[in-house]
């Protein structure tokens, strides 16, 4: 068996319907920081110190809402937290965040012990936050 030729994910690029709202969500609700971007092709580069994402402003006035069952590509973005308490704290922060839609509150993934919740962030991306004690 040959070894992989890649070294993991460098960053994930997400097209969002409202760049300012998505940037504010990642900064203020999740504590990420901006480390770059481009005003010419409106985008911001965000990091949590471990992962990196690029948020790109959609240019169309007619947007197709995210549908994991009908669109090829991203199903969801999954972020991890270090403890079950952190999972609940993040959920309490994002549950009433402007533009956030809750898919489900913290619960076991399958039979556990992993716990997770799913939301749609203000830019329209389906987002999972999870804690796995294993």
Protein backbone atom coordinates (compact mmCIF):
# COMPACT_ATOMS: atom_id res chain seq x y z
CA UNK A 1 0.00 0.00 0.00
CA UNK A 2 1.39 3.40 -0.93
CA UNK A 3 1.62 6.33 1.46
CA UNK A 4 -0.70 9.34 1.04
CA UNK A 5 0.78 12.18 -0.97
CA UNK A 6 -1.12 14.84 0.99
CA UNK A 7 -0.62 16.17 4.52
CA UNK A 8 -4.18 16.91 5.66
CA UNK A 9 -6.47 19.83 5.00
CA UNK A 10 -4.78 23.21 4.55
CA UNK A 11 -8.07 25.11 4.79
CA UNK A 12 -11.73 24.78 3.92
CA UNK A 13 -13.40 27.38 1.69
CA UNK A 14 -17.06 28.18 2.32
CA UNK A 15 -19.32 30.30 0.13
CA UNK A 16 -21.67 32.28 2.38
CA UNK A 17 -24.70 34.46 1.73
CA UNK A 18 -23.64 37.18 4.21
CA UNK A 19 -19.88 37.54 4.69
CA UNK A 20 -20.14 40.08 7.51
CA UNK A 21 -22.64 37.94 9.45
CA UNK A 22 -20.54 34.78 9.04
CA UNK A 23 -17.33 36.60 10.02
CA UNK A 24 -19.00 38.03 13.14
CA UNK A 25 -20.35 34.58 14.07
CA UNK A 26 -16.96 32.88 13.80
CA UNK A 27 -15.23 35.74 15.67
CA UNK A 28 -17.70 36.56 18.41
CA UNK A 29 -19.59 33.31 18.94
CA UNK A 30 -16.73 30.86 18.39
CA UNK A 31 -13.66 32.98 19.22
CA UNK A 32 -11.91 32.61 15.85
CA UNK A 33 -9.61 35.35 14.53
CA UNK A 34 -9.17 36.80 11.07
CA UNK A 35 -5.71 36.40 9.55
CA UNK A 36 -6.31 37.77 6.07
CA UNK A 37 -8.75 38.16 3.24
CA UNK A 38 -9.36 39.90 -0.05
CA UNK A 39 -11.67 42.86 -0.66
CA UNK A 40 -11.45 42.31 -4.46
CA UNK A 41 -13.09 38.89 -4.25
CA UNK A 42 -14.79 39.49 -0.93
CA UNK A 43 -13.40 36.96 1.51
CA UNK A 44 -11.97 36.63 4.98
CA UNK A 45 -9.53 34.03 6.28
CA UNK A 46 -10.33 32.76 9.76
CA UNK A 47 -8.57 30.47 12.25
CA UNK A 48 -9.10 28.99 15.68
CA UNK A 49 -5.35 28.45 16.00
CA UNK A 50 -5.64 24.93 14.64
CA UNK A 51 -8.05 24.93 11.70
CA UNK A 52 -8.38 27.49 8.93
CA UNK A 53 -11.38 28.43 6.80
CA UNK A 54 -11.95 30.95 4.06
CA UNK A 55 -15.36 32.61 3.95
CA UNK A 56 -16.27 33.80 0.44
CA UNK A 57 -19.15 36.16 -0.28
CA UNK A 58 -21.60 34.70 -2.82
CA UNK A 59 -21.99 37.10 -5.72
CA UNK A 60 -25.48 36.12 -6.86
CA UNK A 61 -28.68 37.78 -5.68
CA UNK A 62 -30.44 34.44 -6.20
CA UNK A 63 -28.97 31.89 -3.79
CA UNK A 64 -29.68 28.19 -3.48
CA UNK A 65 -30.09 27.33 0.18
CA UNK A 66 -27.89 24.53 1.50
CA UNK A 67 -29.37 21.06 0.97
CA UNK A 68 -27.14 18.16 1.99
CA UNK A 69 -29.43 15.70 0.20
CA UNK A 70 -29.47 17.42 -3.22
CA UNK A 71 -26.11 19.18 -3.61
CA UNK A 72 -22.76 17.62 -4.36
CA UNK A 73 -19.99 18.86 -2.05
CA UNK A 74 -20.12 19.96 1.53
CA UNK A 75 -22.47 18.00 3.81
CA UNK A 76 -21.44 19.94 6.91
CA UNK A 77 -18.43 21.43 8.66
CA UNK A 78 -17.61 19.65 11.93
CA UNK A 79 -15.71 21.40 14.73
CA UNK A 80 -14.57 19.74 17.94
CA UNK A 81 -14.45 21.06 21.49
CA UNK A 82 -12.37 19.72 24.42
CA UNK A 83 -15.12 18.89 26.94
CA UNK A 84 -18.83 18.18 27.30
CA UNK A 85 -19.13 21.42 29.30
CA UNK A 86 -17.54 23.32 26.41
CA UNK A 87 -20.06 21.75 24.03
CA UNK A 88 -22.95 22.99 26.14
CA UNK A 89 -21.36 26.43 26.57
CA UNK A 90 -20.92 26.84 22.81
CA UNK A 91 -24.52 25.77 22.25
CA UNK A 92 -25.76 28.32 24.79
CA UNK A 93 -23.80 31.03 22.96
CA UNK A 94 -24.98 30.15 19.45
CA UNK A 95 -28.58 29.11 20.13
CA UNK A 96 -29.88 32.67 20.10
CA UNK A 97 -27.24 34.14 17.75
CA UNK A 98 -28.84 36.29 15.01
CA UNK A 99 -29.33 34.26 11.84
CA UNK A 100 -28.51 30.88 13.42
CA UNK A 101 -30.95 28.03 12.78
CA UNK A 102 -30.86 25.11 15.22
CA UNK A 103 -31.14 21.65 13.66
CA UNK A 104 -30.84 19.88 17.01
CA UNK A 105 -29.51 20.58 20.50
CA UNK A 106 -26.68 18.61 22.16
CA UNK A 107 -27.36 14.89 22.12
CA UNK A 108 -25.48 11.63 21.80
CA UNK A 109 -24.25 10.73 18.35
CA UNK A 110 -25.74 7.28 17.91
CA UNK A 111 -25.36 5.46 21.23
CA UNK A 112 -22.61 7.78 22.45
CA UNK A 113 -20.28 8.52 24.09
CA UNK A 114 -19.72 11.21 21.45
CA UNK A 115 -22.05 14.20 21.84
CA UNK A 116 -22.87 16.79 19.22
CA UNK A 117 -25.28 19.44 17.96
CA UNK A 118 -26.07 20.80 14.51
CA UNK A 119 -26.86 24.36 13.43
CA UNK A 120 -26.82 26.52 10.34
CA UNK A 121 -24.51 29.51 10.85
CA UNK A 122 -25.73 32.93 9.61
CA UNK A 123 -24.07 32.49 6.20
CA UNK A 124 -25.99 29.28 5.56
CA UNK A 125 -23.37 26.58 6.23
CA UNK A 126 -24.49 23.50 8.16
CA UNK A 127 -22.20 23.26 11.19
CA UNK A 128 -21.69 20.43 13.69
CA UNK A 129 -19.97 20.94 17.03
CA UNK A 130 -18.92 17.78 18.87
CA UNK A 131 -17.13 16.38 21.88
CA UNK A 132 -15.80 12.83 21.88
CA UNK A 133 -14.32 11.59 25.17
CA UNK A 134 -12.61 8.59 23.57
